[in-house]
Amino acid sequence: MKIEFGSTTLGDDSAGDFIAPAFSRSHTRALQAEDLLGAANPATFPRGNARNAIAFVVAKEHASIAAAIVYLLSFPDGLDAQATLKFTESTSIYEMLNACFAGAELVDVTGKSTAMRFNFTGGAVTVHTP
């Protein structure tokens, strides 16, 4: 699997990165609840506005301990605030257009190895099969 955010590759298993199975996703939609006069229960109306949150962990092996430290100190700050989040798996491409980068946190650092958890939020996830 390859994960890209805009023009930046966050993880690519064919390049030696490990995308951990600690992958999470939540999906919510906006609802409007109205208390109707004389009704026993409120009326609920779907208002669309699908919101997805996606998080995943990418583990990388760096060339040296110094390179791992430079990655941890500089990489997340250089990411765009908003771009297309793209997951490519064999012949399928999953995209979240206009995804917002919500944050990154260090999960583990051991010698030259780092593991970083990335969090994104945005709209619908679409599937493309070229």
Protein backbone atom coordinates (compact mmCIF):
# COMPACT_ATOMS: atom_id res chain seq x y z
CA MET A 1 0.00 0.00 0.00
CA LYS A 2 1.10 3.53 -0.73
CA ILE A 3 -0.28 6.53 1.16
CA GLU A 4 0.09 10.03 -0.26
CA PHE A 5 -1.07 13.40 1.02
CA GLY A 6 -0.94 15.94 -1.77
CA SER A 7 2.51 15.57 -3.33
CA THR A 8 4.05 13.95 -0.21
CA THR A 9 4.35 10.19 0.23
CA LEU A 10 3.65 9.35 3.87
CA GLY A 11 4.24 5.63 3.56
CA ASP A 12 5.04 3.11 0.84
CA ASP A 13 5.46 -0.55 1.67
CA SER A 14 7.26 -1.15 -1.63
CA ALA A 15 9.93 1.33 -0.42
CA GLY A 16 10.41 -0.54 2.87
CA ASP A 17 7.94 1.39 5.03
CA PHE A 18 5.55 -0.56 7.22
CA ILE A 19 1.96 0.65 7.42
CA ALA A 20 0.84 -0.81 10.72
CA PRO A 21 -2.52 -2.53 11.06
CA ALA A 22 -3.36 0.14 13.67
CA PHE A 23 -5.57 1.82 11.08
CA SER A 24 -8.71 3.53 12.35
CA ARG A 25 -11.65 5.18 10.70
CA SER A 26 -14.78 6.86 12.00
CA HIS A 27 -17.72 8.16 10.00
CA THR A 28 -20.39 10.60 11.19
CA ARG A 29 -23.14 12.58 9.51
CA ALA A 30 -24.87 15.75 10.59
CA LEU A 31 -28.43 15.31 11.85
CA GLN A 32 -31.01 17.87 12.82
CA ALA A 33 -33.34 16.98 15.71
CA GLU A 34 -36.46 19.10 16.22
CA ASP A 35 -38.92 18.89 19.09
CA LEU A 36 -42.32 19.04 17.41
CA LEU A 37 -45.29 20.55 19.22
CA GLY A 38 -47.40 17.78 20.74
CA ALA A 39 -45.19 14.96 19.45
CA ALA A 40 -44.02 12.22 21.79
CA ASN A 41 -40.58 12.10 20.18
CA PRO A 42 -38.45 14.62 18.32
CA ALA A 43 -38.26 14.47 14.55
CA THR A 44 -34.81 13.74 13.12
CA PHE A 45 -33.73 14.87 9.67
CA PRO A 46 -30.53 13.78 7.88
CA ARG A 47 -28.57 16.79 6.68
CA GLY A 48 -25.74 15.01 4.90
CA ASN A 49 -22.33 16.48 5.61
CA ALA A 50 -20.48 13.17 5.89
CA ARG A 51 -17.37 13.50 8.02
CA ASN A 52 -14.63 10.88 8.06
CA ALA A 53 -11.65 10.63 10.36
CA ILE A 54 -8.78 8.39 9.29
CA ALA A 55 -5.68 7.56 11.31
CA PHE A 56 -2.80 5.20 10.58
CA VAL A 57 0.72 4.42 11.75
CA VAL A 58 3.71 4.41 9.40
CA ALA A 59 6.98 2.86 10.55
CA LYS A 60 10.16 3.85 8.70
CA GLU A 61 13.76 2.67 8.80
CA HIS A 62 16.12 5.63 8.33
CA ALA A 63 19.72 5.68 7.11
CA SER A 64 21.06 6.75 10.51
CA ILE A 65 19.96 7.80 13.98
CA ALA A 66 20.61 11.42 12.99
CA ALA A 67 18.34 11.02 9.93
CA ALA A 68 15.60 9.58 12.16
CA ILE A 69 15.85 12.57 14.51
CA VAL A 70 15.75 15.04 11.60
CA TYR A 71 12.63 13.26 10.27
CA LEU A 72 10.91 13.48 13.66
CA LEU A 73 11.77 17.15 14.12
CA SER A 74 10.99 18.44 10.64
CA PHE A 75 8.67 16.18 8.66
CA PRO A 76 5.14 16.82 10.03
CA ASP A 77 5.60 20.60 10.01
CA GLY A 78 6.14 20.56 6.26
CA LEU A 79 2.82 18.89 5.42
CA ASP A 80 0.06 20.89 3.75
CA ALA A 81 -2.92 21.81 5.89
CA GLN A 82 -5.33 20.47 3.25
CA ALA A 83 -4.84 18.21 0.22
CA THR A 84 -6.05 14.93 -1.30
CA LEU A 85 -5.33 11.90 0.88
CA LYS A 86 -4.75 8.92 -1.43
CA PHE A 87 -4.38 5.22 -0.63
CA THR A 88 -3.18 3.00 -3.50
CA GLU A 89 -3.53 -0.75 -3.08
CA SER A 90 -2.75 -2.91 -6.13
CA THR A 91 -5.39 -1.78 -8.67
CA SER A 92 -7.63 0.31 -6.40
CA ILE A 93 -7.20 3.94 -5.40
CA TYR A 94 -9.11 5.36 -2.42
CA GLU A 95 -9.21 9.15 -2.16
CA MET A 96 -10.44 11.67 0.38
CA LEU A 97 -10.57 15.00 -1.44
CA ASN A 98 -9.80 18.12 0.59
CA ALA A 99 -8.60 16.10 3.58
CA CYS A 100 -7.37 18.19 6.49
CA PHE A 101 -4.20 17.19 8.30
CA ALA A 102 -5.32 17.02 11.93
CA GLY A 103 -2.02 16.01 13.49
CA ALA A 104 0.81 13.54 13.89
CA GLU A 105 2.26 11.94 16.97
CA LEU A 106 5.33 9.88 17.65
CA VAL A 107 4.41 6.30 18.51
CA ASP A 108 7.89 4.81 18.82
CA VAL A 109 11.54 5.50 18.08
CA THR A 110 14.12 2.75 18.40
CA GLY A 111 17.56 3.41 17.00
CA LYS A 112 17.09 4.25 13.31
CA SER A 113 13.40 3.20 13.29
CA THR A 114 10.49 5.59 13.80
CA ALA A 115 6.75 5.05 13.95
CA MET A 116 4.44 8.03 13.45
CA ARG A 117 0.64 8.11 13.76
CA PHE A 118 -1.06 10.45 11.26
CA ASN A 119 -4.60 11.80 11.74
CA PHE A 120 -6.80 13.25 8.98
CA THR A 121 -10.39 14.41 8.72
CA GLY A 122 -12.48 15.19 5.67
CA GLY A 123 -15.46 14.26 3.54
CA ALA A 124 -16.39 11.13 1.62
CA VAL A 125 -13.86 8.50 0.59
CA THR A 126 -14.18 7.59 -3.09
CA VAL A 127 -12.86 4.49 -4.88
CA HIS A 128 -11.24 4.48 -8.33
CA THR A 129 -10.21 1.40 -10.27
CA PRO A 130 -8.11 2.34 -13.31
